mmCIF file of all heavy atoms, coordinates in Angstrom:
data_MODEL
# 
_entry.id   MODEL 
# 
loop_
_atom_site.group_PDB 
_atom_site.id 
_atom_site.type_symbol 
_atom_site.label_atom_id 
_atom_site.label_alt_id 
_atom_site.label_comp_id 
_atom_site.label_asym_id 
_atom_site.label_entity_id 
_atom_site.label_seq_id 
_atom_site.pdbx_PDB_ins_code 
_atom_site.Cartn_x 
_atom_site.Cartn_y 
_atom_site.Cartn_z 
_atom_site.occupancy 
_atom_site.B_iso_or_equiv 
_atom_site.pdbx_formal_charge 
_atom_site.auth_seq_id 
_atom_site.auth_comp_id 
_atom_site.auth_asym_id 
_atom_site.auth_atom_id 
_atom_site.pdbx_PDB_model_num 
ATOM 1   N N   . ASP A 1 1  ? 0.885   -1.166 0.000  1.00 0.00 ? 1  ASP A N   1 
ATOM 2   C CA  . ASP A 1 1  ? 0.000   0.000  0.000  1.00 0.00 ? 1  ASP A CA  1 
ATOM 3   C C   . ASP A 1 1  ? 0.921   1.214  0.000  1.00 0.00 ? 1  ASP A C   1 
ATOM 4   O O   . ASP A 1 1  ? 1.389   1.660  1.047  1.00 0.00 ? 1  ASP A O   1 
ATOM 5   C CB  . ASP A 1 1  ? -0.893  -0.035 1.239  1.00 0.00 ? 1  ASP A CB  1 
ATOM 6   C CG  . ASP A 1 1  ? -1.857  1.151  1.329  1.00 0.00 ? 1  ASP A CG  1 
ATOM 7   O OD1 . ASP A 1 1  ? -1.605  2.180  0.680  1.00 0.00 ? 1  ASP A OD1 1 
ATOM 8   O OD2 . ASP A 1 1  ? -2.850  1.037  2.068  1.00 0.00 ? 1  ASP A OD2 1 
ATOM 9   N N   . LEU A 1 2  ? 1.205   1.738  -1.185 1.00 0.00 ? 2  LEU A N   1 
ATOM 10  C CA  . LEU A 1 2  ? 2.209   2.789  -1.321 1.00 0.00 ? 2  LEU A CA  1 
ATOM 11  C C   . LEU A 1 2  ? 1.989   3.961  -0.364 1.00 0.00 ? 2  LEU A C   1 
ATOM 12  O O   . LEU A 1 2  ? 2.929   4.439  0.281  1.00 0.00 ? 2  LEU A O   1 
ATOM 13  C CB  . LEU A 1 2  ? 2.229   3.297  -2.767 1.00 0.00 ? 2  LEU A CB  1 
ATOM 14  C CG  . LEU A 1 2  ? 3.086   2.492  -3.751 1.00 0.00 ? 2  LEU A CG  1 
ATOM 15  C CD1 . LEU A 1 2  ? 2.737   2.861  -5.181 1.00 0.00 ? 2  LEU A CD1 1 
ATOM 16  C CD2 . LEU A 1 2  ? 4.560   2.731  -3.480 1.00 0.00 ? 2  LEU A CD2 1 
ATOM 17  N N   . THR A 1 3  ? 0.755   4.404  -0.241 1.00 0.00 ? 3  THR A N   1 
ATOM 18  C CA  . THR A 1 3  ? 0.483   5.594  0.574  1.00 0.00 ? 3  THR A CA  1 
ATOM 19  C C   . THR A 1 3  ? 0.632   5.303  2.062  1.00 0.00 ? 3  THR A C   1 
ATOM 20  O O   . THR A 1 3  ? 1.336   6.020  2.782  1.00 0.00 ? 3  THR A O   1 
ATOM 21  C CB  . THR A 1 3  ? -0.932  6.113  0.285  1.00 0.00 ? 3  THR A CB  1 
ATOM 22  O OG1 . THR A 1 3  ? -1.086  6.308  -1.123 1.00 0.00 ? 3  THR A OG1 1 
ATOM 23  C CG2 . THR A 1 3  ? -1.174  7.427  0.991  1.00 0.00 ? 3  THR A CG2 1 
ATOM 24  N N   . ALA A 1 4  ? -0.015  4.247  2.537  1.00 0.00 ? 4  ALA A N   1 
ATOM 25  C CA  . ALA A 1 4  ? 0.068   3.917  3.964  1.00 0.00 ? 4  ALA A CA  1 
ATOM 26  C C   . ALA A 1 4  ? 1.448   3.380  4.331  1.00 0.00 ? 4  ALA A C   1 
ATOM 27  O O   . ALA A 1 4  ? 1.944   3.628  5.430  1.00 0.00 ? 4  ALA A O   1 
ATOM 28  C CB  . ALA A 1 4  ? -1.018  2.910  4.327  1.00 0.00 ? 4  ALA A CB  1 
ATOM 29  N N   . ASP A 1 5  ? 2.073   2.650  3.412  1.00 0.00 ? 5  ASP A N   1 
ATOM 30  C CA  . ASP A 1 5  ? 3.414   2.123  3.684  1.00 0.00 ? 5  ASP A CA  1 
ATOM 31  C C   . ASP A 1 5  ? 4.421   3.255  3.890  1.00 0.00 ? 5  ASP A C   1 
ATOM 32  O O   . ASP A 1 5  ? 5.306   3.160  4.747  1.00 0.00 ? 5  ASP A O   1 
ATOM 33  C CB  . ASP A 1 5  ? 3.883   1.232  2.527  1.00 0.00 ? 5  ASP A CB  1 
ATOM 34  C CG  . ASP A 1 5  ? 3.173   -0.113 2.486  1.00 0.00 ? 5  ASP A CG  1 
ATOM 35  O OD1 . ASP A 1 5  ? 2.414   -0.417 3.429  1.00 0.00 ? 5  ASP A OD1 1 
ATOM 36  O OD2 . ASP A 1 5  ? 3.378   -0.862 1.519  1.00 0.00 ? 5  ASP A OD2 1 
ATOM 37  N N   . ALA A 1 6  ? 4.287   4.296  3.100  1.00 0.00 ? 6  ALA A N   1 
ATOM 38  C CA  . ALA A 1 6  ? 5.216   5.431  3.240  1.00 0.00 ? 6  ALA A CA  1 
ATOM 39  C C   . ALA A 1 6  ? 5.098   6.050  4.632  1.00 0.00 ? 6  ALA A C   1 
ATOM 40  O O   . ALA A 1 6  ? 6.100   6.464  5.235  1.00 0.00 ? 6  ALA A O   1 
ATOM 41  C CB  . ALA A 1 6  ? 4.931   6.468  2.160  1.00 0.00 ? 6  ALA A CB  1 
ATOM 42  N N   . TYR A 1 7  ? 3.881   6.102  5.158  1.00 0.00 ? 7  TYR A N   1 
ATOM 43  C CA  . TYR A 1 7  ? 3.674   6.635  6.507  1.00 0.00 ? 7  TYR A CA  1 
ATOM 44  C C   . TYR A 1 7  ? 4.211   5.666  7.557  1.00 0.00 ? 7  TYR A C   1 
ATOM 45  O O   . TYR A 1 7  ? 4.908   6.062  8.500  1.00 0.00 ? 7  TYR A O   1 
ATOM 46  C CB  . TYR A 1 7  ? 2.188   6.907  6.726  1.00 0.00 ? 7  TYR A CB  1 
ATOM 47  C CG  . TYR A 1 7  ? 1.868   7.534  8.063  1.00 0.00 ? 7  TYR A CG  1 
ATOM 48  C CD1 . TYR A 1 7  ? 2.489   8.711  8.473  1.00 0.00 ? 7  TYR A CD1 1 
ATOM 49  C CD2 . TYR A 1 7  ? 0.937   6.951  8.926  1.00 0.00 ? 7  TYR A CD2 1 
ATOM 50  C CE1 . TYR A 1 7  ? 2.189   9.299  9.703  1.00 0.00 ? 7  TYR A CE1 1 
ATOM 51  C CE2 . TYR A 1 7  ? 0.627   7.524  10.150 1.00 0.00 ? 7  TYR A CE2 1 
ATOM 52  C CZ  . TYR A 1 7  ? 1.257   8.692  10.532 1.00 0.00 ? 7  TYR A CZ  1 
ATOM 53  O OH  . TYR A 1 7  ? 0.971   9.263  11.755 1.00 0.00 ? 7  TYR A OH  1 
ATOM 54  N N   . ALA A 1 8  ? 3.916   4.372  7.386  1.00 0.00 ? 8  ALA A N   1 
ATOM 55  C CA  . ALA A 1 8  ? 4.394   3.369  8.351  1.00 0.00 ? 8  ALA A CA  1 
ATOM 56  C C   . ALA A 1 8  ? 5.909   3.298  8.389  1.00 0.00 ? 8  ALA A C   1 
ATOM 57  O O   . ALA A 1 8  ? 6.501   2.972  9.431  1.00 0.00 ? 8  ALA A O   1 
ATOM 58  C CB  . ALA A 1 8  ? 3.814   1.999  8.003  1.00 0.00 ? 8  ALA A CB  1 
ATOM 59  N N   . ALA A 1 9  ? 6.556   3.608  7.270  1.00 0.00 ? 9  ALA A N   1 
ATOM 60  C CA  . ALA A 1 9  ? 8.014   3.547  7.211  1.00 0.00 ? 9  ALA A CA  1 
ATOM 61  C C   . ALA A 1 9  ? 8.677   4.586  8.108  1.00 0.00 ? 9  ALA A C   1 
ATOM 62  O O   . ALA A 1 9  ? 9.885   4.528  8.344  1.00 0.00 ? 9  ALA A O   1 
ATOM 63  C CB  . ALA A 1 9  ? 8.489   3.736  5.770  1.00 0.00 ? 9  ALA A CB  1 
ATOM 64  N N   . LEU A 1 10 ? 7.889   5.522  8.654  1.00 0.00 ? 10 LEU A N   1 
ATOM 65  C CA  . LEU A 1 10 ? 8.421   6.545  9.544  1.00 0.00 ? 10 LEU A CA  1 
ATOM 66  C C   . LEU A 1 10 ? 8.526   6.059  10.986 1.00 0.00 ? 10 LEU A C   1 
ATOM 67  O O   . LEU A 1 10 ? 8.882   6.839  11.874 1.00 0.00 ? 10 LEU A O   1 
ATOM 68  C CB  . LEU A 1 10 ? 7.529   7.801  9.507  1.00 0.00 ? 10 LEU A CB  1 
ATOM 69  C CG  . LEU A 1 10 ? 7.354   8.486  8.149  1.00 0.00 ? 10 LEU A CG  1 
ATOM 70  C CD1 . LEU A 1 10 ? 6.387   9.660  8.291  1.00 0.00 ? 10 LEU A CD1 1 
ATOM 71  C CD2 . LEU A 1 10 ? 8.686   8.951  7.592  1.00 0.00 ? 10 LEU A CD2 1 
ATOM 72  N N   . MET A 1 11 ? 8.210   4.776  11.226 1.00 0.00 ? 11 MET A N   1 
ATOM 73  C CA  . MET A 1 11 ? 8.222   4.272  12.605 1.00 0.00 ? 11 MET A CA  1 
ATOM 74  C C   . MET A 1 11 ? 9.568   4.467  13.297 1.00 0.00 ? 11 MET A C   1 
ATOM 75  O O   . MET A 1 11 ? 9.631   4.789  14.478 1.00 0.00 ? 11 MET A O   1 
ATOM 76  C CB  . MET A 1 11 ? 7.834   2.792  12.625 1.00 0.00 ? 11 MET A CB  1 
ATOM 77  C CG  . MET A 1 11 ? 6.345   2.551  12.725 1.00 0.00 ? 11 MET A CG  1 
ATOM 78  S SD  . MET A 1 11 ? 5.956   0.824  13.079 1.00 0.00 ? 11 MET A SD  1 
ATOM 79  C CE  . MET A 1 11 ? 6.485   0.034  11.560 1.00 0.00 ? 11 MET A CE  1 
ATOM 80  N N   . ARG A 1 12 ? 10.658  4.248  12.595 1.00 0.00 ? 12 ARG A N   1 
ATOM 81  C CA  . ARG A 1 12 ? 11.968  4.393  13.220 1.00 0.00 ? 12 ARG A CA  1 
ATOM 82  C C   . ARG A 1 12 ? 12.231  5.832  13.646 1.00 0.00 ? 12 ARG A C   1 
ATOM 83  O O   . ARG A 1 12 ? 12.950  6.086  14.614 1.00 0.00 ? 12 ARG A O   1 
ATOM 84  C CB  . ARG A 1 12 ? 13.054  3.913  12.271 1.00 0.00 ? 12 ARG A CB  1 
ATOM 85  C CG  . ARG A 1 12 ? 13.097  2.391  12.109 1.00 0.00 ? 12 ARG A CG  1 
ATOM 86  C CD  . ARG A 1 12 ? 14.283  1.956  11.294 1.00 0.00 ? 12 ARG A CD  1 
ATOM 87  N NE  . ARG A 1 12 ? 14.435  0.506  11.297 1.00 0.00 ? 12 ARG A NE  1 
ATOM 88  C CZ  . ARG A 1 12 ? 15.390  -0.146 10.660 1.00 0.00 ? 12 ARG A CZ  1 
ATOM 89  N NH1 . ARG A 1 12 ? 16.284  0.536  9.945  1.00 0.00 ? 12 ARG A NH1 1 
ATOM 90  N NH2 . ARG A 1 12 ? 15.468  -1.464 10.710 1.00 0.00 ? 12 ARG A NH2 1 
ATOM 91  N N   . GLU A 1 13 ? 11.651  6.776  12.908 1.00 0.00 ? 13 GLU A N   1 
ATOM 92  C CA  . GLU A 1 13 ? 11.864  8.192  13.218 1.00 0.00 ? 13 GLU A CA  1 
ATOM 93  C C   . GLU A 1 13 ? 10.929  8.671  14.315 1.00 0.00 ? 13 GLU A C   1 
ATOM 94  O O   . GLU A 1 13 ? 11.336  9.405  15.224 1.00 0.00 ? 13 GLU A O   1 
ATOM 95  C CB  . GLU A 1 13 ? 11.651  9.023  11.943 1.00 0.00 ? 13 GLU A CB  1 
ATOM 96  C CG  . GLU A 1 13 ? 11.778  10.521 12.153 1.00 0.00 ? 13 GLU A CG  1 
ATOM 97  C CD  . GLU A 1 13 ? 11.504  11.298 10.884 1.00 0.00 ? 13 GLU A CD  1 
ATOM 98  O OE1 . GLU A 1 13 ? 11.430  10.670 9.796  1.00 0.00 ? 13 GLU A OE1 1 
ATOM 99  O OE2 . GLU A 1 13 ? 11.358  12.537 10.962 1.00 0.00 ? 13 GLU A OE2 1 
ATOM 100 N N   . HIS A 1 14 ? 9.650   8.265  14.256 1.00 0.00 ? 14 HIS A N   1 
ATOM 101 C CA  . HIS A 1 14 ? 8.645   8.794  15.188 1.00 0.00 ? 14 HIS A CA  1 
ATOM 102 C C   . HIS A 1 14 ? 8.218   7.796  16.258 1.00 0.00 ? 14 HIS A C   1 
ATOM 103 O O   . HIS A 1 14 ? 7.688   8.200  17.294 1.00 0.00 ? 14 HIS A O   1 
ATOM 104 C CB  . HIS A 1 14 ? 7.403   9.226  14.409 1.00 0.00 ? 14 HIS A CB  1 
ATOM 105 C CG  . HIS A 1 14 ? 7.633   10.383 13.480 1.00 0.00 ? 14 HIS A CG  1 
ATOM 106 N ND1 . HIS A 1 14 ? 7.577   11.692 13.885 1.00 0.00 ? 14 HIS A ND1 1 
ATOM 107 C CD2 . HIS A 1 14 ? 7.924   10.411 12.153 1.00 0.00 ? 14 HIS A CD2 1 
ATOM 108 C CE1 . HIS A 1 14 ? 7.814   12.489 12.850 1.00 0.00 ? 14 HIS A CE1 1 
ATOM 109 N NE2 . HIS A 1 14 ? 8.033   11.739 11.787 1.00 0.00 ? 14 HIS A NE2 1 
ATOM 110 N N   . GLY A 1 15 ? 8.378   6.494  15.997 1.00 0.00 ? 15 GLY A N   1 
ATOM 111 C CA  . GLY A 1 15 ? 7.842   5.484  16.903 1.00 0.00 ? 15 GLY A CA  1 
ATOM 112 C C   . GLY A 1 15 ? 6.418   5.134  16.506 1.00 0.00 ? 15 GLY A C   1 
ATOM 113 O O   . GLY A 1 15 ? 5.671   5.994  16.016 1.00 0.00 ? 15 GLY A O   1 
ATOM 114 N N   . PHE A 1 16 ? 6.014   3.868  16.719 1.00 0.00 ? 16 PHE A N   1 
ATOM 115 C CA  . PHE A 1 16 ? 4.711   3.449  16.210 1.00 0.00 ? 16 PHE A CA  1 
ATOM 116 C C   . PHE A 1 16 ? 3.566   4.139  16.948 1.00 0.00 ? 16 PHE A C   1 
ATOM 117 O O   . PHE A 1 16 ? 2.535   4.461  16.358 1.00 0.00 ? 16 PHE A O   1 
ATOM 118 C CB  . PHE A 1 16 ? 4.587   1.912  16.261 1.00 0.00 ? 16 PHE A CB  1 
ATOM 119 C CG  . PHE A 1 16 ? 4.043   1.355  17.542 1.00 0.00 ? 16 PHE A CG  1 
ATOM 120 C CD1 . PHE A 1 16 ? 2.693   1.058  17.668 1.00 0.00 ? 16 PHE A CD1 1 
ATOM 121 C CD2 . PHE A 1 16 ? 4.881   1.095  18.619 1.00 0.00 ? 16 PHE A CD2 1 
ATOM 122 C CE1 . PHE A 1 16 ? 2.195   0.521  18.834 1.00 0.00 ? 16 PHE A CE1 1 
ATOM 123 C CE2 . PHE A 1 16 ? 4.383   0.559  19.789 1.00 0.00 ? 16 PHE A CE2 1 
ATOM 124 C CZ  . PHE A 1 16 ? 3.036   0.274  19.909 1.00 0.00 ? 16 PHE A CZ  1 
ATOM 125 N N   . ARG A 1 17 ? 3.716   4.418  18.254 1.00 0.00 ? 17 ARG A N   1 
ATOM 126 C CA  . ARG A 1 17 ? 2.630   5.057  18.998 1.00 0.00 ? 17 ARG A CA  1 
ATOM 127 C C   . ARG A 1 17 ? 2.375   6.471  18.504 1.00 0.00 ? 17 ARG A C   1 
ATOM 128 O O   . ARG A 1 17 ? 1.220   6.904  18.393 1.00 0.00 ? 17 ARG A O   1 
ATOM 129 C CB  . ARG A 1 17 ? 2.967   5.050  20.486 1.00 0.00 ? 17 ARG A CB  1 
ATOM 130 C CG  . ARG A 1 17 ? 1.936   5.764  21.376 1.00 0.00 ? 17 ARG A CG  1 
ATOM 131 C CD  . ARG A 1 17 ? 0.517   5.303  21.121 1.00 0.00 ? 17 ARG A CD  1 
ATOM 132 N NE  . ARG A 1 17 ? 0.334   3.868  21.343 1.00 0.00 ? 17 ARG A NE  1 
ATOM 133 C CZ  . ARG A 1 17 ? -0.782  3.220  21.052 1.00 0.00 ? 17 ARG A CZ  1 
ATOM 134 N NH1 . ARG A 1 17 ? -1.795  3.869  20.479 1.00 0.00 ? 17 ARG A NH1 1 
ATOM 135 N NH2 . ARG A 1 17 ? -0.876  1.934  21.281 1.00 0.00 ? 17 ARG A NH2 1 
ATOM 136 N N   . ALA A 1 18 ? 3.431   7.204  18.180 1.00 0.00 ? 18 ALA A N   1 
ATOM 137 C CA  . ALA A 1 18 ? 3.255   8.569  17.669 1.00 0.00 ? 18 ALA A CA  1 
ATOM 138 C C   . ALA A 1 18 ? 2.529   8.549  16.331 1.00 0.00 ? 18 ALA A C   1 
ATOM 139 O O   . ALA A 1 18 ? 1.671   9.410  16.062 1.00 0.00 ? 18 ALA A O   1 
ATOM 140 C CB  . ALA A 1 18 ? 4.607   9.259  17.518 1.00 0.00 ? 18 ALA A CB  1 
ATOM 141 N N   . LEU A 1 19 ? 2.845   7.571  15.464 1.00 0.00 ? 19 LEU A N   1 
ATOM 142 C CA  . LEU A 1 19 ? 2.154   7.474  14.177 1.00 0.00 ? 19 LEU A CA  1 
ATOM 143 C C   . LEU A 1 19 ? 0.673   7.195  14.380 1.00 0.00 ? 19 LEU A C   1 
ATOM 144 O O   . LEU A 1 19 ? -0.177  7.772  13.694 1.00 0.00 ? 19 LEU A O   1 
ATOM 145 C CB  . LEU A 1 19 ? 2.786   6.369  13.325 1.00 0.00 ? 19 LEU A CB  1 
ATOM 146 C CG  . LEU A 1 19 ? 4.228   6.570  12.866 1.00 0.00 ? 19 LEU A CG  1 
ATOM 147 C CD1 . LEU A 1 19 ? 4.612   5.469  11.886 1.00 0.00 ? 19 LEU A CD1 1 
ATOM 148 C CD2 . LEU A 1 19 ? 4.414   7.933  12.211 1.00 0.00 ? 19 LEU A CD2 1 
ATOM 149 N N   . VAL A 1 20 ? 0.350   6.319  15.308 1.00 0.00 ? 20 VAL A N   1 
ATOM 150 C CA  . VAL A 1 20 ? -1.053  6.008  15.595 1.00 0.00 ? 20 VAL A CA  1 
ATOM 151 C C   . VAL A 1 20 ? -1.767  7.240  16.129 1.00 0.00 ? 20 VAL A C   1 
ATOM 152 O O   . VAL A 1 20 ? -2.885  7.569  15.703 1.00 0.00 ? 20 VAL A O   1 
ATOM 153 C CB  . VAL A 1 20 ? -1.151  4.845  16.605 1.00 0.00 ? 20 VAL A CB  1 
ATOM 154 C CG1 . VAL A 1 20 ? -2.586  4.673  17.089 1.00 0.00 ? 20 VAL A CG1 1 
ATOM 155 C CG2 . VAL A 1 20 ? -0.652  3.550  15.979 1.00 0.00 ? 20 VAL A CG2 1 
ATOM 156 N N   . ASP A 1 21 ? -1.136  7.946  17.043 1.00 0.00 ? 21 ASP A N   1 
ATOM 157 C CA  . ASP A 1 21 ? -1.764  9.127  17.639 1.00 0.00 ? 21 ASP A CA  1 
ATOM 158 C C   . ASP A 1 21 ? -2.014  10.210 16.603 1.00 0.00 ? 21 ASP A C   1 
ATOM 159 O O   . ASP A 1 21 ? -3.087  10.850 16.596 1.00 0.00 ? 21 ASP A O   1 
ATOM 160 C CB  . ASP A 1 21 ? -0.883  9.676  18.765 1.00 0.00 ? 21 ASP A CB  1 
ATOM 161 C CG  . ASP A 1 21 ? -0.849  8.753  19.986 1.00 0.00 ? 21 ASP A CG  1 
ATOM 162 O OD1 . ASP A 1 21 ? -1.736  7.878  20.080 1.00 0.00 ? 21 ASP A OD1 1 
ATOM 163 O OD2 . ASP A 1 21 ? 0.059   8.918  20.827 1.00 0.00 ? 21 ASP A OD2 1 
ATOM 164 N N   . MET A 1 22 ? -1.027  10.454 15.726 1.00 0.00 ? 22 MET A N   1 
ATOM 165 C CA  . MET A 1 22 ? -1.220  11.485 14.705 1.00 0.00 ? 22 MET A CA  1 
ATOM 166 C C   . MET A 1 22 ? -2.333  11.094 13.728 1.00 0.00 ? 22 MET A C   1 
ATOM 167 O O   . MET A 1 22 ? -3.132  11.944 13.317 1.00 0.00 ? 22 MET A O   1 
ATOM 168 C CB  . MET A 1 22 ? 0.091   11.737 13.951 1.00 0.00 ? 22 MET A CB  1 
ATOM 169 C CG  . MET A 1 22 ? 1.099   12.560 14.725 1.00 0.00 ? 22 MET A CG  1 
ATOM 170 S SD  . MET A 1 22 ? 2.492   13.127 13.705 1.00 0.00 ? 22 MET A SD  1 
ATOM 171 C CE  . MET A 1 22 ? 3.367   11.581 13.412 1.00 0.00 ? 22 MET A CE  1 
ATOM 172 N N   . LEU A 1 23 ? -2.396  9.820  13.362 1.00 0.00 ? 23 LEU A N   1 
ATOM 173 C CA  . LEU A 1 23 ? -3.458  9.377  12.459 1.00 0.00 ? 23 LEU A CA  1 
ATOM 174 C C   . LEU A 1 23 ? -4.821  9.517  13.122 1.00 0.00 ? 23 LEU A C   1 
ATOM 175 O O   . LEU A 1 23 ? -5.794  9.941  12.478 1.00 0.00 ? 23 LEU A O   1 
ATOM 176 C CB  . LEU A 1 23 ? -3.216  7.931  12.033 1.00 0.00 ? 23 LEU A CB  1 
ATOM 177 C CG  . LEU A 1 23 ? -4.274  7.326  11.103 1.00 0.00 ? 23 LEU A CG  1 
ATOM 178 C CD1 . LEU A 1 23 ? -4.389  8.141  9.809  1.00 0.00 ? 23 LEU A CD1 1 
ATOM 179 C CD2 . LEU A 1 23 ? -3.949  5.868  10.782 1.00 0.00 ? 23 LEU A CD2 1 
ATOM 180 N N   . THR A 1 24 ? -4.897  9.187  14.394 1.00 0.00 ? 24 THR A N   1 
ATOM 181 C CA  . THR A 1 24 ? -6.157  9.331  15.128 1.00 0.00 ? 24 THR A CA  1 
ATOM 182 C C   . THR A 1 24 ? -6.625  10.778 15.119 1.00 0.00 ? 24 THR A C   1 
ATOM 183 O O   . THR A 1 24 ? -7.797  11.073 14.842 1.00 0.00 ? 24 THR A O   1 
ATOM 184 C CB  . THR A 1 24 ? -5.981  8.846  16.576 1.00 0.00 ? 24 THR A CB  1 
ATOM 185 O OG1 . THR A 1 24 ? -5.619  7.460  16.574 1.00 0.00 ? 24 THR A OG1 1 
ATOM 186 C CG2 . THR A 1 24 ? -7.276  9.018  17.362 1.00 0.00 ? 24 THR A CG2 1 
ATOM 187 N N   . ARG A 1 25 ? -5.726  11.690 15.394 1.00 0.00 ? 25 ARG A N   1 
ATOM 188 C CA  . ARG A 1 25 ? -6.086  13.111 15.394 1.00 0.00 ? 25 ARG A CA  1 
ATOM 189 C C   . ARG A 1 25 ? -6.470  13.579 13.999 1.00 0.00 ? 25 ARG A C   1 
ATOM 190 O O   . ARG A 1 25 ? -7.412  14.371 13.831 1.00 0.00 ? 25 ARG A O   1 
ATOM 191 C CB  . ARG A 1 25 ? -4.926  13.941 15.927 1.00 0.00 ? 25 ARG A CB  1 
ATOM 192 C CG  . ARG A 1 25 ? -4.693  13.809 17.431 1.00 0.00 ? 25 ARG A CG  1 
ATOM 193 C CD  . ARG A 1 25 ? -3.424  14.512 17.856 1.00 0.00 ? 25 ARG A CD  1 
ATOM 194 N NE  . ARG A 1 25 ? -3.396  15.900 17.430 1.00 0.00 ? 25 ARG A NE  1 
ATOM 195 C CZ  . ARG A 1 25 ? -2.290  16.628 17.320 1.00 0.00 ? 25 ARG A CZ  1 
ATOM 196 N NH1 . ARG A 1 25 ? -1.111  16.072 17.587 1.00 0.00 ? 25 ARG A NH1 1 
ATOM 197 N NH2 . ARG A 1 25 ? -2.350  17.884 16.943 1.00 0.00 ? 25 ARG A NH2 1 
ATOM 198 N N   . ALA A 1 26 ? -5.759  13.112 12.989 1.00 0.00 ? 26 ALA A N   1 
ATOM 199 C CA  . ALA A 1 26 ? -6.070  13.516 11.612 1.00 0.00 ? 26 ALA A CA  1 
ATOM 200 C C   . ALA A 1 26 ? -7.466  13.056 11.215 1.00 0.00 ? 26 ALA A C   1 
ATOM 201 O O   . ALA A 1 26 ? -8.183  13.772 10.498 1.00 0.00 ? 26 ALA A O   1 
ATOM 202 C CB  . ALA A 1 26 ? -5.032  12.944 10.653 1.00 0.00 ? 26 ALA A CB  1 
ATOM 203 N N   . CYS A 1 27 ? -7.858  11.873 11.657 1.00 0.00 ? 27 CYS A N   1 
ATOM 204 C CA  . CYS A 1 27 ? -9.202  11.369 11.351 1.00 0.00 ? 27 CYS A CA  1 
ATOM 205 C C   . CYS A 1 27 ? -10.257 12.168 12.107 1.00 0.00 ? 27 CYS A C   1 
ATOM 206 O O   . CYS A 1 27 ? -11.307 12.506 11.557 1.00 0.00 ? 27 CYS A O   1 
ATOM 207 C CB  . CYS A 1 27 ? -9.302  9.888  11.711 1.00 0.00 ? 27 CYS A CB  1 
ATOM 208 S SG  . CYS A 1 27 ? -8.395  8.780  10.616 1.00 0.00 ? 27 CYS A SG  1 
# 
């Protein structure tokens, strides 16, 4: 999934919890 994969690939930089939190707020 090119779009979601690009976001998930940021885990090393932001951490998985931060990615989840930002997505939750964006929704």
